């Protein structure tokens, strides 16, 4: 089992390596594979809770393995029907089918995809080092994200437009960062600074301004 803390996750499978670090205001990602290596950062504001699953595999290897397997079965069937000519090829077809299917399984990848607000996606190997460790890391990441958003945005910016401040706090409530009671309290405080007739029907379409 890989030695990781809840604040970092190491994933390795064959020639693919992924390393995730939870920093105070972002996630640092290091990825290395057959196409090279890259390091990039994902801000906590860009994370979402939208998770998808993806299985990536080589269709050509799978079809080739099945084809040779079918050839082997045909050879056996022809032999039983009194036509033994194909039997000399059956061992080779069987070995080829097994080898190709093994390569197919080796190249197969199961990913967990986390959508980002900018339309991009963060990829995790679904069962590396284990599904439990991945689940624990994702839970820690969401917890750190919420705490960061609360520490950064759960305050009234006296220089900002009161209506936009209400929209910001509604966004925090939608993200599960603050409660309904907390939202109502800061909403009233913002309304006392404005005209008391604000539209708070939808979260902001862009990230809130950092204080």
N, C-alpha and C. Protein backbone atom coordinates (compact mmCIF):
# COMPACT_ATOMS: atom_id res chain seq x y z
N UNK A 1 0.84 -1.20 0.00
CA UNK A 1 0.00 0.00 0.00
C UNK A 1 0.87 1.24 0.00
N UNK A 2 0.54 2.21 -0.83
CA UNK A 2 1.32 3.44 -0.91
C UNK A 2 1.22 4.24 0.38
N UNK A 3 2.34 4.88 0.76
CA UNK A 3 2.34 5.69 1.96
C UNK A 3 1.90 7.10 1.59
N UNK A 4 0.68 7.39 1.84
CA UNK A 4 0.15 8.71 1.53
C UNK A 4 -0.59 9.26 2.73
N UNK A 5 -0.69 10.57 2.80
CA UNK A 5 -1.50 11.21 3.81
C UNK A 5 -2.78 11.68 3.13
N UNK A 6 -3.82 12.03 3.91
CA UNK A 6 -5.05 12.51 3.28
C UNK A 6 -4.85 13.73 2.39
N UNK A 7 -3.73 14.44 2.56
CA UNK A 7 -3.48 15.65 1.78
C UNK A 7 -2.68 15.40 0.51
N UNK A 8 -2.34 14.15 0.23
CA UNK A 8 -1.69 13.83 -1.03
C UNK A 8 -2.09 12.43 -1.47
N UNK A 9 -2.01 12.21 -2.77
CA UNK A 9 -2.41 10.94 -3.34
C UNK A 9 -1.43 10.56 -4.44
N UNK A 10 -0.86 9.37 -4.33
CA UNK A 10 0.06 8.86 -5.34
C UNK A 10 -0.63 7.71 -6.07
N UNK A 11 -0.64 7.79 -7.40
CA UNK A 11 -1.26 6.75 -8.22
C UNK A 11 -0.27 6.30 -9.29
N UNK A 12 -0.06 4.99 -9.37
CA UNK A 12 0.87 4.42 -10.35
C UNK A 12 0.26 3.18 -10.97
N UNK A 13 0.33 3.11 -12.30
CA UNK A 13 -0.12 1.91 -13.00
C UNK A 13 0.71 1.77 -14.28
N UNK A 14 1.53 0.71 -14.32
CA UNK A 14 2.45 0.50 -15.44
C UNK A 14 3.29 1.76 -15.65
N UNK A 15 3.21 2.39 -16.82
CA UNK A 15 4.04 3.58 -17.10
C UNK A 15 3.32 4.87 -16.77
N UNK A 16 2.17 4.80 -16.13
CA UNK A 16 1.38 6.00 -15.82
C UNK A 16 1.53 6.35 -14.33
N UNK A 17 1.83 7.60 -14.07
CA UNK A 17 2.04 8.06 -12.70
C UNK A 17 1.30 9.37 -12.48
N UNK A 18 0.57 9.44 -11.39
CA UNK A 18 -0.15 10.67 -11.03
C UNK A 18 0.08 10.96 -9.55
N UNK A 19 0.33 12.24 -9.26
CA UNK A 19 0.58 12.65 -7.88
C UNK A 19 -0.19 13.94 -7.61
N UNK A 20 -1.05 13.91 -6.61
CA UNK A 20 -1.90 15.05 -6.28
C UNK A 20 -1.53 15.57 -4.88
N UNK A 21 -1.40 16.90 -4.76
CA UNK A 21 -1.08 17.54 -3.48
C UNK A 21 -2.16 18.59 -3.18
N UNK A 22 -2.66 18.59 -1.95
CA UNK A 22 -3.62 19.61 -1.54
C UNK A 22 -2.85 20.74 -0.87
N UNK A 23 -2.77 21.88 -1.55
CA UNK A 23 -2.11 23.06 -1.01
C UNK A 23 -3.15 23.99 -0.39
N UNK A 24 -2.73 25.04 0.31
CA UNK A 24 -3.70 25.90 1.00
C UNK A 24 -4.79 26.48 0.12
N UNK A 25 -4.47 26.85 -1.13
CA UNK A 25 -5.46 27.51 -1.98
C UNK A 25 -5.66 26.83 -3.33
N UNK A 26 -5.10 25.61 -3.51
CA UNK A 26 -5.20 24.95 -4.81
C UNK A 26 -4.76 23.49 -4.71
N UNK A 27 -4.99 22.76 -5.79
CA UNK A 27 -4.51 21.38 -5.91
C UNK A 27 -3.36 21.37 -6.91
N UNK A 28 -2.23 20.82 -6.51
CA UNK A 28 -1.09 20.68 -7.41
C UNK A 28 -1.08 19.27 -7.97
N UNK A 29 -0.93 19.15 -9.28
CA UNK A 29 -1.03 17.85 -9.94
C UNK A 29 0.23 17.61 -10.77
N UNK A 30 0.81 16.43 -10.56
CA UNK A 30 1.94 15.99 -11.39
C UNK A 30 1.53 14.73 -12.11
N UNK A 31 1.68 14.71 -13.42
CA UNK A 31 1.28 13.55 -14.22
C UNK A 31 2.41 13.17 -15.17
N UNK A 32 2.70 11.87 -15.24
CA UNK A 32 3.76 11.37 -16.11
C UNK A 32 3.26 10.13 -16.83
N UNK A 33 3.47 10.08 -18.13
CA UNK A 33 3.03 8.93 -18.92
C UNK A 33 3.87 8.77 -20.16
N UNK A 34 3.36 7.99 -21.10
CA UNK A 34 4.11 7.70 -22.32
C UNK A 34 4.35 8.96 -23.15
N UNK A 35 3.47 9.97 -23.01
CA UNK A 35 3.59 11.19 -23.80
C UNK A 35 4.42 12.28 -23.12
N UNK A 36 5.01 11.96 -21.96
CA UNK A 36 5.80 12.95 -21.24
C UNK A 36 5.24 13.23 -19.86
N UNK A 37 5.69 14.32 -19.27
CA UNK A 37 5.23 14.67 -17.93
C UNK A 37 4.82 16.14 -17.89
N UNK A 38 3.89 16.44 -16.96
CA UNK A 38 3.38 17.79 -16.83
C UNK A 38 2.99 18.05 -15.38
N UNK A 39 3.17 19.29 -14.96
CA UNK A 39 2.74 19.73 -13.63
C UNK A 39 1.82 20.93 -13.81
N UNK A 40 0.68 20.90 -13.16
CA UNK A 40 -0.25 22.02 -13.27
C UNK A 40 -1.01 22.19 -11.96
N UNK A 41 -1.80 23.26 -11.90
CA UNK A 41 -2.51 23.61 -10.67
C UNK A 41 -4.00 23.82 -10.96
N UNK A 42 -4.81 23.44 -9.99
CA UNK A 42 -6.26 23.64 -10.08
C UNK A 42 -6.68 24.44 -8.85
N UNK A 43 -7.24 25.63 -9.07
CA UNK A 43 -7.72 26.44 -7.96
C UNK A 43 -8.95 25.81 -7.33
N UNK A 44 -9.11 25.97 -6.02
CA UNK A 44 -10.27 25.40 -5.35
C UNK A 44 -11.58 25.95 -5.89
N UNK A 45 -11.54 27.21 -6.37
CA UNK A 45 -12.76 27.79 -6.95
C UNK A 45 -13.22 27.04 -8.20
N UNK A 46 -12.29 26.37 -8.87
CA UNK A 46 -12.62 25.69 -10.13
C UNK A 46 -13.12 24.27 -9.93
N UNK A 47 -13.00 23.74 -8.72
CA UNK A 47 -13.46 22.38 -8.46
C UNK A 47 -14.98 22.33 -8.38
N UNK A 48 -15.55 21.19 -8.74
CA UNK A 48 -16.98 20.94 -8.53
C UNK A 48 -17.11 19.59 -7.83
N UNK A 49 -18.34 19.18 -7.59
CA UNK A 49 -18.59 17.86 -7.00
C UNK A 49 -19.14 16.89 -8.05
N UNK A 50 -19.06 17.30 -9.33
CA UNK A 50 -19.58 16.46 -10.41
C UNK A 50 -18.57 15.38 -10.78
N UNK A 51 -18.92 14.12 -10.50
CA UNK A 51 -18.02 13.00 -10.73
C UNK A 51 -18.60 12.08 -11.79
N UNK A 52 -17.73 11.64 -12.71
CA UNK A 52 -18.12 10.68 -13.75
C UNK A 52 -17.11 9.54 -13.77
N UNK A 53 -17.49 8.44 -14.40
CA UNK A 53 -16.61 7.29 -14.52
C UNK A 53 -16.33 7.00 -15.99
N UNK A 54 -15.11 6.58 -16.26
CA UNK A 54 -14.70 6.29 -17.64
C UNK A 54 -13.80 5.06 -17.65
N UNK A 55 -14.08 4.15 -18.58
CA UNK A 55 -13.20 3.00 -18.81
C UNK A 55 -12.59 3.16 -20.20
N UNK A 56 -11.26 3.21 -20.25
CA UNK A 56 -10.55 3.42 -21.51
C UNK A 56 -9.83 2.13 -21.87
N UNK A 57 -10.04 1.65 -23.10
CA UNK A 57 -9.41 0.41 -23.51
C UNK A 57 -9.14 0.44 -25.02
N UNK A 58 -8.32 -0.52 -25.46
CA UNK A 58 -7.97 -0.60 -26.88
C UNK A 58 -8.98 -1.49 -27.60
N UNK A 59 -9.81 -0.90 -28.43
CA UNK A 59 -10.79 -1.66 -29.17
C UNK A 59 -10.15 -2.60 -30.18
N UNK A 60 -9.02 -2.19 -30.76
CA UNK A 60 -8.35 -3.02 -31.76
C UNK A 60 -7.81 -4.30 -31.15
N UNK A 61 -7.19 -4.18 -29.97
CA UNK A 61 -6.68 -5.38 -29.30
C UNK A 61 -7.82 -6.32 -28.94
N UNK A 62 -8.91 -5.75 -28.46
CA UNK A 62 -10.06 -6.59 -28.06
C UNK A 62 -10.62 -7.34 -29.27
N UNK A 63 -10.80 -6.62 -30.38
CA UNK A 63 -11.36 -7.25 -31.58
C UNK A 63 -10.40 -8.32 -32.12
N UNK A 64 -9.09 -8.04 -32.10
CA UNK A 64 -8.11 -9.01 -32.58
C UNK A 64 -8.13 -10.28 -31.72
N UNK A 65 -8.20 -10.10 -30.38
CA UNK A 65 -8.25 -11.25 -29.48
C UNK A 65 -9.49 -12.09 -29.73
N UNK A 66 -10.62 -11.44 -29.88
CA UNK A 66 -11.86 -12.17 -30.15
C UNK A 66 -11.79 -12.89 -31.49
N UNK A 67 -11.20 -12.24 -32.49
CA UNK A 67 -11.10 -12.85 -33.82
C UNK A 67 -10.28 -14.13 -33.80
N UNK A 68 -9.11 -14.09 -33.15
CA UNK A 68 -8.30 -15.30 -33.08
C UNK A 68 -8.98 -16.38 -32.25
N UNK A 69 -9.73 -15.94 -31.22
CA UNK A 69 -10.49 -16.93 -30.45
C UNK A 69 -11.55 -17.61 -31.30
N UNK A 70 -12.19 -16.84 -32.16
CA UNK A 70 -13.20 -17.41 -33.07
C UNK A 70 -12.55 -18.37 -34.07
N UNK A 71 -11.37 -17.99 -34.59
CA UNK A 71 -10.65 -18.88 -35.51
C UNK A 71 -10.37 -20.22 -34.84
N UNK A 72 -9.97 -20.18 -33.58
CA UNK A 72 -9.67 -21.42 -32.85
C UNK A 72 -10.92 -22.29 -32.73
N UNK A 73 -12.04 -21.66 -32.40
CA UNK A 73 -13.28 -22.42 -32.27
C UNK A 73 -13.70 -23.02 -33.62
N UNK A 74 -13.52 -22.25 -34.68
CA UNK A 74 -13.85 -22.76 -36.01
C UNK A 74 -12.98 -23.96 -36.36
N UNK A 75 -11.68 -23.89 -36.02
CA UNK A 75 -10.78 -25.00 -36.29
C UNK A 75 -11.21 -26.26 -35.56
N UNK A 76 -11.60 -26.10 -34.28
CA UNK A 76 -12.07 -27.25 -33.50
C UNK A 76 -13.36 -27.81 -34.09
N UNK A 77 -14.25 -26.91 -34.50
CA UNK A 77 -15.53 -27.35 -35.07
C UNK A 77 -15.30 -28.11 -36.38
N UNK A 78 -14.37 -27.59 -37.20
CA UNK A 78 -14.09 -28.26 -38.47
C UNK A 78 -13.48 -29.64 -38.22
N UNK A 79 -12.63 -29.74 -37.19
CA UNK A 79 -12.02 -31.03 -36.88
C UNK A 79 -13.08 -32.04 -36.45
N UNK A 80 -14.02 -31.59 -35.64
CA UNK A 80 -15.11 -32.48 -35.21
C UNK A 80 -15.99 -32.89 -36.39
N UNK A 81 -16.06 -32.02 -37.39
CA UNK A 81 -16.88 -32.31 -38.58
C UNK A 81 -16.13 -33.16 -39.60
N UNK A 82 -14.93 -33.57 -39.27
CA UNK A 82 -14.17 -34.43 -40.17
C UNK A 82 -13.24 -33.70 -41.11
N UNK A 83 -12.94 -32.41 -40.85
CA UNK A 83 -12.02 -31.62 -41.66
C UNK A 83 -10.86 -31.16 -40.77
N UNK A 84 -9.84 -31.99 -40.60
CA UNK A 84 -8.75 -31.68 -39.66
C UNK A 84 -7.70 -30.71 -40.19
N UNK A 85 -7.85 -30.21 -41.40
CA UNK A 85 -6.79 -29.38 -42.00
C UNK A 85 -6.47 -28.13 -41.18
N UNK A 86 -7.49 -27.56 -40.55
CA UNK A 86 -7.27 -26.31 -39.81
C UNK A 86 -6.64 -26.52 -38.43
N UNK A 87 -6.63 -27.76 -37.95
CA UNK A 87 -6.16 -28.02 -36.59
C UNK A 87 -4.70 -27.63 -36.38
N UNK A 88 -3.89 -27.65 -37.42
CA UNK A 88 -2.49 -27.29 -37.25
C UNK A 88 -2.30 -25.82 -36.89
N UNK A 89 -3.33 -25.00 -37.21
CA UNK A 89 -3.27 -23.57 -36.88
C UNK A 89 -3.92 -23.24 -35.55
N UNK A 90 -4.71 -24.16 -35.03
CA UNK A 90 -5.47 -23.86 -33.81
C UNK A 90 -4.57 -23.48 -32.63
N UNK A 91 -3.46 -24.20 -32.35
CA UNK A 91 -2.61 -23.78 -31.22
C UNK A 91 -2.08 -22.35 -31.36
N UNK A 92 -1.68 -21.99 -32.59
CA UNK A 92 -1.18 -20.64 -32.80
C UNK A 92 -2.28 -19.60 -32.60
N UNK A 93 -3.48 -19.88 -33.11
CA UNK A 93 -4.59 -18.95 -32.94
C UNK A 93 -4.96 -18.80 -31.47
N UNK A 94 -4.93 -19.91 -30.75
CA UNK A 94 -5.28 -19.87 -29.32
C UNK A 94 -4.27 -19.04 -28.54
N UNK A 95 -2.97 -19.28 -28.82
CA UNK A 95 -1.92 -18.50 -28.13
C UNK A 95 -2.04 -17.02 -28.47
N UNK A 96 -2.29 -16.72 -29.74
CA UNK A 96 -2.43 -15.32 -30.16
C UNK A 96 -3.61 -14.66 -29.45
N UNK A 97 -4.73 -15.40 -29.33
CA UNK A 97 -5.91 -14.85 -28.66
C UNK A 97 -5.61 -14.54 -27.20
N UNK A 98 -4.90 -15.44 -26.52
CA UNK A 98 -4.58 -15.24 -25.10
C UNK A 98 -3.62 -14.06 -24.92
N UNK A 99 -2.61 -13.97 -25.79
CA UNK A 99 -1.64 -12.87 -25.67
C UNK A 99 -2.31 -11.52 -25.93
N UNK A 100 -3.10 -11.46 -26.98
CA UNK A 100 -3.76 -10.20 -27.31
C UNK A 100 -4.75 -9.79 -26.22
N UNK A 101 -5.45 -10.76 -25.65
CA UNK A 101 -6.40 -10.42 -24.59
C UNK A 101 -5.67 -9.94 -23.33
N UNK A 102 -4.49 -10.53 -23.06
CA UNK A 102 -3.69 -10.08 -21.92
C UNK A 102 -3.23 -8.64 -22.12
N UNK A 103 -2.79 -8.30 -23.35
CA UNK A 103 -2.41 -6.92 -23.65
C UNK A 103 -3.60 -5.98 -23.51
N UNK A 104 -4.77 -6.45 -23.94
CA UNK A 104 -5.99 -5.65 -23.82
C UNK A 104 -6.27 -5.31 -22.36
N UNK A 105 -6.16 -6.30 -21.48
CA UNK A 105 -6.41 -6.06 -20.05
C UNK A 105 -5.34 -5.14 -19.46
N UNK A 106 -4.07 -5.30 -19.91
CA UNK A 106 -2.98 -4.48 -19.37
C UNK A 106 -3.15 -3.01 -19.75
N UNK A 107 -3.69 -2.74 -20.92
CA UNK A 107 -3.85 -1.36 -21.39
C UNK A 107 -5.16 -0.74 -20.92
N UNK A 108 -6.00 -1.53 -20.29
CA UNK A 108 -7.30 -1.02 -19.85
C UNK A 108 -7.13 -0.09 -18.66
N UNK A 109 -7.80 1.04 -18.68
CA UNK A 109 -7.74 2.00 -17.58
C UNK A 109 -9.16 2.34 -17.11
N UNK A 110 -9.30 2.39 -15.80
CA UNK A 110 -10.58 2.84 -15.22
C UNK A 110 -10.32 4.16 -14.51
N UNK A 111 -11.02 5.20 -14.96
CA UNK A 111 -10.80 6.54 -14.43
C UNK A 111 -12.03 7.05 -13.68
N UNK A 112 -11.76 7.91 -12.71
CA UNK A 112 -12.79 8.73 -12.08
C UNK A 112 -12.53 10.15 -12.54
N UNK A 113 -13.53 10.79 -13.11
CA UNK A 113 -13.39 12.13 -13.69
C UNK A 113 -14.10 13.15 -12.80
N UNK A 114 -13.39 14.21 -12.45
CA UNK A 114 -13.96 15.30 -11.67
C UNK A 114 -14.04 16.53 -12.57
N UNK A 115 -15.25 16.99 -12.84
CA UNK A 115 -15.44 18.14 -13.73
C UNK A 115 -15.01 19.44 -13.05
N UNK A 116 -14.45 20.35 -13.85
CA UNK A 116 -14.04 21.67 -13.38
C UNK A 116 -14.95 22.73 -13.98
N UNK A 117 -14.98 23.90 -13.37
CA UNK A 117 -15.89 24.95 -13.84
C UNK A 117 -15.47 25.54 -15.18
N UNK A 118 -14.21 25.35 -15.57
CA UNK A 118 -13.75 25.89 -16.85
C UNK A 118 -13.96 24.92 -18.01
N UNK A 119 -14.70 23.84 -17.76
CA UNK A 119 -14.98 22.87 -18.81
C UNK A 119 -13.94 21.76 -18.92
N UNK A 120 -12.86 21.86 -18.17
CA UNK A 120 -11.84 20.83 -18.19
C UNK A 120 -12.19 19.73 -17.17
N UNK A 121 -11.35 18.70 -17.12
CA UNK A 121 -11.63 17.55 -16.25
C UNK A 121 -10.36 17.11 -15.56
N UNK A 122 -10.49 16.74 -14.30
CA UNK A 122 -9.38 16.19 -13.53
C UNK A 122 -9.53 14.67 -13.50
N UNK A 123 -8.49 13.96 -13.96
CA UNK A 123 -8.54 12.50 -14.08
C UNK A 123 -7.86 11.84 -12.88
N UNK A 124 -8.53 10.83 -12.31
CA UNK A 124 -7.94 9.99 -11.27
C UNK A 124 -8.04 8.53 -11.71
N UNK A 125 -7.01 7.73 -11.43
CA UNK A 125 -7.12 6.29 -11.62
C UNK A 125 -8.06 5.77 -10.54
N UNK A 126 -9.13 5.07 -10.93
CA UNK A 126 -10.23 4.80 -10.01
C UNK A 126 -9.86 3.90 -8.82
N UNK A 127 -8.93 2.97 -9.02
CA UNK A 127 -8.64 2.02 -7.95
C UNK A 127 -7.16 2.00 -7.55
N UNK A 128 -6.47 3.14 -7.71
CA UNK A 128 -5.06 3.23 -7.34
C UNK A 128 -4.86 4.31 -6.29
N UNK A 129 -4.15 4.08 -5.18
CA UNK A 129 -3.71 2.76 -4.74
C UNK A 129 -4.86 1.84 -4.32
N UNK A 130 -6.02 2.42 -3.98
CA UNK A 130 -7.23 1.65 -3.71
C UNK A 130 -8.41 2.60 -3.82
N UNK A 131 -9.60 2.05 -4.02
CA UNK A 131 -10.79 2.90 -4.12
C UNK A 131 -11.05 3.62 -2.80
N UNK A 132 -10.74 2.98 -1.68
CA UNK A 132 -10.94 3.60 -0.37
C UNK A 132 -10.02 4.81 -0.19
N UNK A 133 -8.75 4.67 -0.56
CA UNK A 133 -7.82 5.79 -0.41
C UNK A 133 -8.18 6.94 -1.34
N UNK A 134 -8.63 6.61 -2.55
CA UNK A 134 -9.08 7.66 -3.46
C UNK A 134 -10.29 8.38 -2.88
N UNK A 135 -11.24 7.63 -2.34
CA UNK A 135 -12.44 8.23 -1.75
C UNK A 135 -12.07 9.14 -0.58
N UNK A 136 -11.14 8.70 0.27
CA UNK A 136 -10.70 9.51 1.41
C UNK A 136 -10.03 10.79 0.94
N UNK A 137 -9.21 10.69 -0.10
CA UNK A 137 -8.52 11.88 -0.62
C UNK A 137 -9.53 12.88 -1.18
N UNK A 138 -10.50 12.39 -1.95
CA UNK A 138 -11.50 13.29 -2.54
C UNK A 138 -12.33 13.97 -1.45
N UNK A 139 -12.65 13.22 -0.38
CA UNK A 139 -13.40 13.81 0.73
C UNK A 139 -12.58 14.92 1.41
N UNK A 140 -11.28 14.66 1.61
CA UNK A 140 -10.40 15.67 2.20
C UNK A 140 -10.27 16.88 1.29
N UNK A 141 -10.17 16.65 -0.02
CA UNK A 141 -10.06 17.74 -0.97
C UNK A 141 -11.30 18.64 -0.93
N UNK A 142 -12.48 18.05 -0.90
CA UNK A 142 -13.71 18.83 -0.84
C UNK A 142 -13.81 19.58 0.48
N UNK A 143 -13.36 18.95 1.57
CA UNK A 143 -13.38 19.61 2.88
C UNK A 143 -12.45 20.82 2.90
N UNK A 144 -11.23 20.65 2.35
CA UNK A 144 -10.28 21.76 2.29
C UNK A 144 -10.81 22.86 1.38
N UNK A 145 -11.45 22.47 0.30
CA UNK A 145 -12.02 23.44 -0.63
C UNK A 145 -13.06 24.31 0.08
N UNK A 146 -13.98 23.66 0.80
CA UNK A 146 -15.03 24.41 1.49
C UNK A 146 -14.45 25.33 2.55
N UNK A 147 -13.43 24.84 3.27
CA UNK A 147 -12.83 25.69 4.30
C UNK A 147 -12.12 26.88 3.67
N UNK A 148 -11.45 26.66 2.53
CA UNK A 148 -10.79 27.75 1.83
C UNK A 148 -11.80 28.78 1.34
N UNK A 149 -12.88 28.32 0.74
CA UNK A 149 -13.91 29.23 0.24
C UNK A 149 -14.53 30.02 1.39
N UNK A 150 -14.73 29.35 2.51
CA UNK A 150 -15.32 30.05 3.66
C UNK A 150 -14.36 31.12 4.19
N UNK A 151 -13.09 30.75 4.35
CA UNK A 151 -12.11 31.70 4.87
C UNK A 151 -11.91 32.88 3.92
N UNK A 152 -12.02 32.63 2.61
CA UNK A 152 -11.72 33.66 1.61
C UNK A 152 -12.91 34.55 1.30
N UNK A 153 -14.10 33.97 1.21
CA UNK A 153 -15.26 34.70 0.69
C UNK A 153 -16.36 34.97 1.70
N UNK A 154 -16.32 34.35 2.87
CA UNK A 154 -17.40 34.55 3.84
C UNK A 154 -17.13 35.81 4.66
N UNK A 155 -17.14 36.92 3.97
CA UNK A 155 -16.96 38.23 4.59
C UNK A 155 -17.54 39.26 3.62
N UNK A 156 -18.08 40.30 4.15
CA UNK A 156 -18.69 41.34 3.31
C UNK A 156 -17.61 42.31 2.84
N UNK A 157 -17.50 42.44 1.53
CA UNK A 157 -16.57 43.40 0.93
C UNK A 157 -17.30 44.74 0.83
N UNK A 158 -16.90 45.68 1.67
CA UNK A 158 -17.58 46.96 1.75
C UNK A 158 -17.39 47.77 0.46
N UNK A 159 -16.38 47.42 -0.35
CA UNK A 159 -16.15 48.15 -1.59
C UNK A 159 -16.90 47.55 -2.78
N UNK A 160 -17.52 46.40 -2.57
CA UNK A 160 -18.22 45.74 -3.67
C UNK A 160 -19.69 46.12 -3.68
N UNK A 161 -20.33 45.97 -4.83
CA UNK A 161 -21.76 46.26 -4.96
C UNK A 161 -22.55 45.31 -4.06
N UNK A 162 -23.49 45.82 -3.24
CA UNK A 162 -24.25 44.96 -2.34
C UNK A 162 -24.96 43.81 -3.04
N UNK A 163 -25.48 44.05 -4.23
CA UNK A 163 -26.17 42.99 -4.95
C UNK A 163 -25.21 41.86 -5.32
N UNK A 164 -24.03 42.21 -5.76
CA UNK A 164 -23.05 41.19 -6.10
C UNK A 164 -22.58 40.45 -4.86
N UNK A 165 -22.54 41.14 -3.74
CA UNK A 165 -22.18 40.47 -2.49
C UNK A 165 -23.22 39.41 -2.12
N UNK A 166 -24.50 39.75 -2.28
CA UNK A 166 -25.55 38.78 -2.00
C UNK A 166 -25.42 37.58 -2.94
N UNK A 167 -25.14 37.84 -4.20
CA UNK A 167 -24.95 36.75 -5.17
C UNK A 167 -23.77 35.86 -4.76
N UNK A 168 -22.72 36.47 -4.25
CA UNK A 168 -21.55 35.72 -3.81
C UNK A 168 -21.93 34.78 -2.66
N UNK A 169 -22.68 35.30 -1.69
CA UNK A 169 -23.06 34.47 -0.55
C UNK A 169 -24.07 33.39 -0.95
N UNK A 170 -24.90 33.69 -1.92
CA UNK A 170 -25.80 32.65 -2.42
C UNK A 170 -25.00 31.53 -3.09
N UNK A 171 -23.95 31.90 -3.80
CA UNK A 171 -23.05 30.90 -4.39
C UNK A 171 -22.41 30.04 -3.31
N UNK A 172 -21.99 30.66 -2.21
CA UNK A 172 -21.41 29.90 -1.10
C UNK A 172 -22.43 28.92 -0.51
N UNK A 173 -23.67 29.37 -0.41
CA UNK A 173 -24.72 28.48 0.12
C UNK A 173 -24.96 27.32 -0.84
N UNK A 174 -24.98 27.61 -2.14
CA UNK A 174 -25.19 26.55 -3.13
C UNK A 174 -24.07 25.53 -3.09
N UNK A 175 -22.86 25.98 -2.80
CA UNK A 175 -21.71 25.08 -2.73
C UNK A 175 -21.62 24.35 -1.40
N UNK A 176 -22.56 24.61 -0.48
CA UNK A 176 -22.54 23.95 0.81
C UNK A 176 -21.52 24.50 1.78
N UNK A 177 -21.04 25.71 1.51
CA UNK A 177 -20.01 26.31 2.36
C UNK A 177 -20.63 26.98 3.58
N UNK A 178 -21.77 27.64 3.39
CA UNK A 178 -22.48 28.27 4.50
C UNK A 178 -23.90 27.73 4.56
N UNK A 179 -24.52 27.87 5.71
CA UNK A 179 -25.87 27.37 5.90
C UNK A 179 -26.91 28.40 5.45
N UNK A 180 -28.16 27.97 5.43
CA UNK A 180 -29.25 28.87 5.08
C UNK A 180 -29.35 30.02 6.08
N UNK A 181 -29.16 29.71 7.35
CA UNK A 181 -29.22 30.74 8.39
C UNK A 181 -28.11 31.76 8.20
N UNK A 182 -26.90 31.28 7.93
CA UNK A 182 -25.78 32.18 7.72
C UNK A 182 -26.01 33.05 6.48
N UNK A 183 -26.58 32.45 5.44
CA UNK A 183 -26.86 33.22 4.24
C UNK A 183 -27.86 34.34 4.52
N UNK A 184 -28.91 34.04 5.25
CA UNK A 184 -29.93 35.05 5.54
C UNK A 184 -29.34 36.19 6.37
N UNK A 185 -28.42 35.86 7.26
CA UNK A 185 -27.81 36.90 8.09
C UNK A 185 -26.98 37.87 7.25
N UNK A 186 -26.11 37.32 6.38
CA UNK A 186 -25.27 38.20 5.58
C UNK A 186 -26.09 38.90 4.50
N UNK A 187 -27.16 38.27 4.06
CA UNK A 187 -28.04 38.91 3.07
C UNK A 187 -28.67 40.16 3.66
N UNK A 188 -29.15 40.05 4.89
CA UNK A 188 -29.75 41.21 5.55
C UNK A 188 -28.73 42.31 5.76
N UNK A 189 -27.51 41.91 6.11
CA UNK A 189 -26.46 42.91 6.32
C UNK A 189 -26.14 43.64 5.02
N UNK A 190 -26.13 42.89 3.90
CA UNK A 190 -25.88 43.51 2.60
C UNK A 190 -27.02 44.42 2.19
N UNK A 191 -28.26 44.00 2.48
CA UNK A 191 -29.42 44.79 2.09
C UNK A 191 -29.49 46.10 2.85
N UNK A 192 -28.95 46.09 4.07
CA UNK A 192 -28.93 47.35 4.85
C UNK A 192 -27.99 48.36 4.21
N UNK A 193 -27.03 47.85 3.41
CA UNK A 193 -26.11 48.74 2.71
C UNK A 193 -26.66 49.17 1.36
N UNK A 194 -27.65 48.46 0.83
CA UNK A 194 -28.20 48.78 -0.48
C UNK A 194 -29.59 49.36 -0.36
N UNK A 195 -30.38 49.11 -1.38
CA UNK A 195 -31.73 49.68 -1.39
C UNK A 195 -32.78 48.68 -0.91
N UNK A 196 -32.35 47.46 -0.50
CA UNK A 196 -33.29 46.49 0.04
C UNK A 196 -34.09 45.76 -1.01
N UNK A 197 -33.81 45.93 -2.32
CA UNK A 197 -34.58 45.28 -3.39
C UNK A 197 -33.60 44.66 -4.39
N UNK A 198 -33.01 43.51 -3.97
CA UNK A 198 -31.95 42.90 -4.76
C UNK A 198 -32.42 41.59 -5.37
N UNK A 199 -31.94 41.30 -6.54
CA UNK A 199 -32.24 40.03 -7.21
C UNK A 199 -31.16 39.03 -6.83
N UNK A 200 -31.53 37.97 -6.09
CA UNK A 200 -30.57 36.95 -5.64
C UNK A 200 -30.93 35.60 -6.21
N UNK A 201 -31.53 35.58 -7.38
CA UNK A 201 -32.06 34.33 -7.92
C UNK A 201 -31.03 33.36 -8.46
N UNK A 202 -29.81 33.78 -8.80
CA UNK A 202 -28.85 32.85 -9.37
C UNK A 202 -27.45 33.18 -8.92
N UNK A 203 -26.58 32.14 -8.84
CA UNK A 203 -25.19 32.38 -8.45
C UNK A 203 -24.47 33.18 -9.53
N UNK A 204 -23.34 33.79 -9.20
CA UNK A 204 -22.61 34.57 -10.18
C UNK A 204 -22.10 33.68 -11.31
N UNK A 205 -22.05 34.21 -12.52
CA UNK A 205 -21.60 33.43 -13.66
C UNK A 205 -20.09 33.36 -13.72
N UNK A 206 -19.40 34.19 -12.97
CA UNK A 206 -17.94 34.14 -12.92
C UNK A 206 -17.53 33.97 -11.48
N UNK A 207 -16.24 33.64 -11.27
CA UNK A 207 -15.76 33.44 -9.92
C UNK A 207 -15.83 34.75 -9.16
N UNK A 208 -16.14 34.68 -7.83
CA UNK A 208 -16.20 35.90 -7.03
C UNK A 208 -14.84 36.57 -6.96
N UNK A 209 -14.88 37.84 -6.72
CA UNK A 209 -13.62 38.60 -6.61
C UNK A 209 -12.96 38.27 -5.28
N UNK A 210 -11.70 37.91 -5.32
CA UNK A 210 -10.96 37.57 -4.11
C UNK A 210 -10.67 38.82 -3.32
N UNK A 211 -10.85 38.70 -2.01
CA UNK A 211 -10.59 39.86 -1.16
C UNK A 211 -9.12 39.97 -0.83
